[in-house]
């Protein structure tokens, strides 16, 4: 009997896959940190986005039990994140850093209207409902999550295991 290849799971709603950037590209970091420089870009595959989503849905809720993160202060609340969570839109592209392929995802609340001419969306302040994620394709692990700050707080620490 021939094996039937299943289609990849659907991408999360409101996902924009952007072209891989050139070396020196500045990640959207007006009020959040990044893990380092961009040395180049590549094209992300749907399966890599799915793997990042699964990992993120495990990590974000676990942070609610860690010092420095406060559940219920944000709307939408990243600490209640689920796989393919429709409360966020995603701007995703592949970056290369230190020879590694990294999926970079810029998470913006779904009710924000991004300017399609200027992506990824850069928001200064905004609070932890805006965040950036870096997923190392070779290890299948999230290596960096940085949350935006906000005027007067809250200020959540960077997740970098």
C-alpha atoms as a PDB file:
ATOM      1  CA  UNK A   1       0.000   0.000   0.000  1.00  0.00           C
ATOM      2  CA  UNK A   2       1.402   3.412  -0.950  1.00  0.00           C
ATOM      3  CA  UNK A   3       2.018   5.888   1.809  1.00  0.00           C
ATOM      4  CA  UNK A   4      -0.123   8.992   1.591  1.00  0.00           C
ATOM      5  CA  UNK A   5       1.681  12.201   2.386  1.00  0.00           C
ATOM      6  CA  UNK A   6      -0.397  14.377   4.651  1.00  0.00           C
ATOM      7  CA  UNK A   7      -0.517  18.103   3.994  1.00  0.00           C
ATOM      8  CA  UNK A   8       1.249  20.289   6.563  1.00  0.00           C
ATOM      9  CA  UNK A   9      -0.964  21.715   9.316  1.00  0.00           C
ATOM     10  CA  UNK A  10      -2.453  25.091   8.447  1.00  0.00           C
ATOM     11  CA  UNK A  11      -0.500  28.192   9.311  1.00  0.00           C
ATOM     12  CA  UNK A  12      -1.774  30.297  12.205  1.00  0.00           C
ATOM     13  CA  UNK A  13      -4.336  32.943  11.217  1.00  0.00           C
ATOM     14  CA  UNK A  14      -2.970  36.324  10.156  1.00  0.00           C
ATOM     15  CA  UNK A  15       0.521  34.980   9.415  1.00  0.00           C
ATOM     16  CA  UNK A  16       2.726  36.929   7.015  1.00  0.00           C
ATOM     17  CA  UNK A  17       5.840  35.136   5.817  1.00  0.00           C
ATOM     18  CA  UNK A  18       8.380  37.739   4.789  1.00  0.00           C
ATOM     19  CA  UNK A  19      11.471  37.357   2.620  1.00  0.00           C
ATOM     20  CA  UNK A  20      14.694  36.566   4.442  1.00  0.00           C
ATOM     21  CA  UNK A  21      16.590  39.796   5.148  1.00  0.00           C
ATOM     22  CA  UNK A  22      20.079  40.823   4.106  1.00  0.00           C
ATOM     23  CA  UNK A  23      23.024  40.876   6.515  1.00  0.00           C
ATOM     24  CA  UNK A  24      22.862  43.870   8.842  1.00  0.00           C
ATOM     25  CA  UNK A  25      19.049  43.980   8.926  1.00  0.00           C
ATOM     26  CA  UNK A  26      17.753  45.517  12.165  1.00  0.00           C
ATOM     27  CA  UNK A  27      15.187  43.360  13.939  1.00  0.00           C
ATOM     28  CA  UNK A  28      12.126  45.211  15.297  1.00  0.00           C
ATOM     29  CA  UNK A  29      13.453  46.248  18.664  1.00  0.00           C
ATOM     30  CA  UNK A  30      12.297  49.723  19.585  1.00  0.00           C
ATOM     31  CA  UNK A  31      11.442  48.761  23.160  1.00  0.00           C
ATOM     32  CA  UNK A  32      12.725  45.200  23.418  1.00  0.00           C
ATOM     33  CA  UNK A  33      16.079  43.501  23.105  1.00  0.00           C
ATOM     34  CA  UNK A  34      17.271  41.156  20.368  1.00  0.00           C
ATOM     35  CA  UNK A  35      19.653  38.244  20.691  1.00  0.00           C
ATOM     36  CA  UNK A  36      22.203  39.640  18.251  1.00  0.00           C
ATOM     37  CA  UNK A  37      22.944  40.749  14.698  1.00  0.00           C
ATOM     38  CA  UNK A  38      21.495  39.330  11.484  1.00  0.00           C
ATOM     39  CA  UNK A  39      24.094  37.784   9.159  1.00  0.00           C
ATOM     40  CA  UNK A  40      21.664  36.948   6.348  1.00  0.00           C
ATOM     41  CA  UNK A  41      18.304  35.414   5.592  1.00  0.00           C
ATOM     42  CA  UNK A  42      16.566  32.353   4.199  1.00  0.00           C
ATOM     43  CA  UNK A  43      13.021  31.220   3.358  1.00  0.00           C
ATOM     44  CA  UNK A  44      11.082  29.659   6.240  1.00  0.00           C
ATOM     45  CA  UNK A  45       9.008  26.514   5.636  1.00  0.00           C
ATOM     46  CA  UNK A  46       5.514  25.941   7.035  1.00  0.00           C
ATOM     47  CA  UNK A  47       6.712  22.920   9.051  1.00  0.00           C
ATOM     48  CA  UNK A  48       9.267  25.128  10.852  1.00  0.00           C
ATOM     49  CA  UNK A  49       6.521  27.576  11.798  1.00  0.00           C
ATOM     50  CA  UNK A  50       4.467  24.676  13.153  1.00  0.00           C
ATOM     51  CA  UNK A  51       7.398  23.459  15.255  1.00  0.00           C
ATOM     52  CA  UNK A  52       7.946  26.972  16.639  1.00  0.00           C
ATOM     53  CA  UNK A  53       4.245  27.308  17.485  1.00  0.00           C
ATOM     54  CA  UNK A  54       4.240  24.014  19.403  1.00  0.00           C
ATOM     55  CA  UNK A  55       7.327  25.009  21.409  1.00  0.00           C
ATOM     56  CA  UNK A  56       5.994  28.517  22.102  1.00  0.00           C
ATOM     57  CA  UNK A  57       2.671  27.147  23.401  1.00  0.00           C
ATOM     58  CA  UNK A  58       4.661  25.173  26.000  1.00  0.00           C
ATOM     59  CA  UNK A  59       7.041  27.951  27.054  1.00  0.00           C
ATOM     60  CA  UNK A  60       4.806  31.019  27.376  1.00  0.00           C
ATOM     61  CA  UNK A  61       2.277  29.492  29.815  1.00  0.00           C
ATOM     62  CA  UNK A  62       5.162  28.076  31.882  1.00  0.00           C
ATOM     63  CA  UNK A  63       6.531  31.597  32.382  1.00  0.00           C
ATOM     64  CA  UNK A  64       3.448  32.460  34.476  1.00  0.00           C
ATOM     65  CA  UNK A  65       5.119  30.479  37.271  1.00  0.00           C
ATOM     66  CA  UNK A  66       8.399  32.420  36.969  1.00  0.00           C
ATOM     67  CA  UNK A  67       9.491  35.605  38.701  1.00  0.00           C
ATOM     68  CA  UNK A  68       9.067  38.769  36.679  1.00  0.00           C
ATOM     69  CA  UNK A  69       6.053  37.658  34.623  1.00  0.00           C
ATOM     70  CA  UNK A  70       2.551  38.586  35.748  1.00  0.00           C
ATOM     71  CA  UNK A  71      -0.447  36.838  34.257  1.00  0.00           C
ATOM     72  CA  UNK A  72      -3.501  38.951  33.540  1.00  0.00           C
ATOM     73  CA  UNK A  73      -1.741  42.291  33.041  1.00  0.00           C
ATOM     74  CA  UNK A  74      -1.915  42.204  29.233  1.00  0.00           C
ATOM     75  CA  UNK A  75      -4.690  41.901  26.675  1.00  0.00           C
ATOM     76  CA  UNK A  76      -4.104  39.604  24.938  1.00  0.00           C
ATOM     77  CA  UNK A  77      -2.103  37.811  27.623  1.00  0.00           C
ATOM     78  CA  UNK A  78       0.992  36.010  26.244  1.00  0.00           C
ATOM     79  CA  UNK A  79       1.039  33.762  29.318  1.00  0.00           C
ATOM     80  CA  UNK A  80      -2.185  32.105  28.113  1.00  0.00           C
ATOM     81  CA  UNK A  81      -0.832  31.446  24.607  1.00  0.00           C
ATOM     82  CA  UNK A  82      -2.007  28.365  22.693  1.00  0.00           C
ATOM     83  CA  UNK A  83      -0.825  26.822  19.398  1.00  0.00           C
ATOM     84  CA  UNK A  84      -1.850  28.999  16.428  1.00  0.00           C
ATOM     85  CA  UNK A  85      -3.393  31.481  18.878  1.00  0.00           C
ATOM     86  CA  UNK A  86      -5.732  33.745  16.860  1.00  0.00           C
ATOM     87  CA  UNK A  87      -5.229  36.670  19.256  1.00  0.00           C
ATOM     88  CA  UNK A  88      -1.932  37.523  17.526  1.00  0.00           C
ATOM     89  CA  UNK A  89      -0.789  38.120  14.008  1.00  0.00           C
ATOM     90  CA  UNK A  90       2.682  36.925  13.084  1.00  0.00           C
ATOM     91  CA  UNK A  91       5.320  38.393  10.817  1.00  0.00           C
ATOM     92  CA  UNK A  92       7.796  35.581  10.226  1.00  0.00           C
ATOM     93  CA  UNK A  93      11.095  35.373   8.385  1.00  0.00           C
ATOM     94  CA  UNK A  94      14.299  33.377   8.472  1.00  0.00           C
ATOM     95  CA  UNK A  95      17.518  34.921   9.744  1.00  0.00           C
ATOM     96  CA  UNK A  96      21.032  33.540   9.895  1.00  0.00           C
ATOM     97  CA  UNK A  97      23.146  34.238  12.953  1.00  0.00           C
ATOM     98  CA  UNK A  98      26.429  32.498  13.688  1.00  0.00           C
ATOM     99  CA  UNK A  99      25.794  30.078  10.808  1.00  0.00           C
ATOM    100  CA  UNK A 100      22.468  28.920  12.303  1.00  0.00           C
ATOM    101  CA  UNK A 101      19.056  29.168  10.677  1.00  0.00           C
ATOM    102  CA  UNK A 102      16.665  30.914  13.050  1.00  0.00           C
ATOM    103  CA  UNK A 103      12.968  31.532  12.556  1.00  0.00           C
ATOM    104  CA  UNK A 104      12.219  35.059  13.740  1.00  0.00           C
ATOM    105  CA  UNK A 105       8.580  35.831  14.574  1.00  0.00           C
ATOM    106  CA  UNK A 106       7.255  39.262  15.422  1.00  0.00           C
ATOM    107  CA  UNK A 107       3.988  38.899  17.385  1.00  0.00           C
ATOM    108  CA  UNK A 108       1.505  41.776  17.260  1.00  0.00           C
ATOM    109  CA  UNK A 109      -2.031  41.701  18.721  1.00  0.00           C
ATOM    110  CA  UNK A 110      -4.495  40.689  16.007  1.00  0.00           C
ATOM    111  CA  UNK A 111      -6.556  43.874  16.307  1.00  0.00           C
ATOM    112  CA  UNK A 112      -3.612  46.104  15.272  1.00  0.00           C
ATOM    113  CA  UNK A 113      -3.563  47.105  11.603  1.00  0.00           C
ATOM    114  CA  UNK A 114       0.008  46.744  10.293  1.00  0.00           C
ATOM    115  CA  UNK A 115       1.273  48.898   7.463  1.00  0.00           C
ATOM    116  CA  UNK A 116       1.963  46.331   4.737  1.00  0.00           C
ATOM    117  CA  UNK A 117       4.549  48.688   3.208  1.00  0.00           C
ATOM    118  CA  UNK A 118       6.649  48.625   6.388  1.00  0.00           C
ATOM    119  CA  UNK A 119       6.974  45.087   7.687  1.00  0.00           C
ATOM    120  CA  UNK A 120       7.950  43.802  10.111  1.00  0.00           C
ATOM    121  CA  UNK A 121       5.855  46.084  12.266  1.00  0.00           C
ATOM    122  CA  UNK A 122       7.835  48.132  14.785  1.00  0.00           C
ATOM    123  CA  UNK A 123       5.942  49.263  17.885  1.00  0.00           C
ATOM    124  CA  UNK A 124       7.599  51.313  20.588  1.00  0.00           C
ATOM    125  CA  UNK A 125       6.220  50.567  24.035  1.00  0.00           C
ATOM    126  CA  UNK A 126       2.975  48.614  23.665  1.00  0.00           C
ATOM    127  CA  UNK A 127       3.740  46.288  26.565  1.00  0.00           C
ATOM    128  CA  UNK A 128       4.338  42.537  26.667  1.00  0.00           C
ATOM    129  CA  UNK A 129       1.412  41.785  24.308  1.00  0.00           C
ATOM    130  CA  UNK A 130       3.995  42.651  21.608  1.00  0.00           C
ATOM    131  CA  UNK A 131       6.926  40.242  21.522  1.00  0.00           C
ATOM    132  CA  UNK A 132       9.631  38.721  19.348  1.00  0.00           C
ATOM    133  CA  UNK A 133      10.569  35.037  19.240  1.00  0.00           C
ATOM    134  CA  UNK A 134      13.691  33.300  17.924  1.00  0.00           C
ATOM    135  CA  UNK A 135      13.476  29.573  17.134  1.00  0.00           C
ATOM    136  CA  UNK A 136      16.636  27.590  16.309  1.00  0.00           C
ATOM    137  CA  UNK A 137      15.713  25.189  13.499  1.00  0.00           C
ATOM    138  CA  UNK A 138      18.654  22.821  14.158  1.00  0.00           C
ATOM    139  CA  UNK A 139      17.718  22.199  17.806  1.00  0.00           C
ATOM    140  CA  UNK A 140      13.949  22.682  17.536  1.00  0.00           C
ATOM    141  CA  UNK A 141      14.092  25.024  20.529  1.00  0.00           C
ATOM    142  CA  UNK A 142      13.152  28.616  21.213  1.00  0.00           C
ATOM    143  CA  UNK A 143      16.325  30.478  22.150  1.00  0.00           C
ATOM    144  CA  UNK A 144      15.021  33.988  22.816  1.00  0.00           C
ATOM    145  CA  UNK A 145      11.733  35.719  23.621  1.00  0.00           C
ATOM    146  CA  UNK A 146      11.742  39.456  24.234  1.00  0.00           C
ATOM    147  CA  UNK A 147       8.658  41.407  25.260  1.00  0.00           C
ATOM    148  CA  UNK A 148       8.050  45.073  24.578  1.00  0.00           C
ATOM    149  CA  UNK A 149       8.150  47.425  27.523  1.00  0.00           C
ATOM    150  CA  UNK A 150       5.469  50.003  28.225  1.00  0.00           C
ATOM    151  CA  UNK A 151       5.383  53.472  29.650  1.00  0.00           C
ATOM    152  CA  UNK A 152       5.144  52.834  33.386  1.00  0.00           C
ATOM    153  CA  UNK A 153       5.532  49.046  32.968  1.00  0.00           C
ATOM    154  CA  UNK A 154       5.137  46.185  33.176  1.00  0.00           C
ATOM    155  CA  UNK A 155       8.633  45.183  32.134  1.00  0.00           C
ATOM    156  CA  UNK A 156       9.014  41.457  31.618  1.00  0.00           C
ATOM    157  CA  UNK A 157      12.453  39.827  31.521  1.00  0.00           C
ATOM    158  CA  UNK A 158      13.885  38.279  28.367  1.00  0.00           C
ATOM    159  CA  UNK A 159      13.487  34.515  28.116  1.00  0.00           C
ATOM    160  CA  UNK A 160      16.834  33.066  26.997  1.00  0.00           C
ATOM    161  CA  UNK A 161      17.418  29.532  28.331  1.00  0.00           C
END
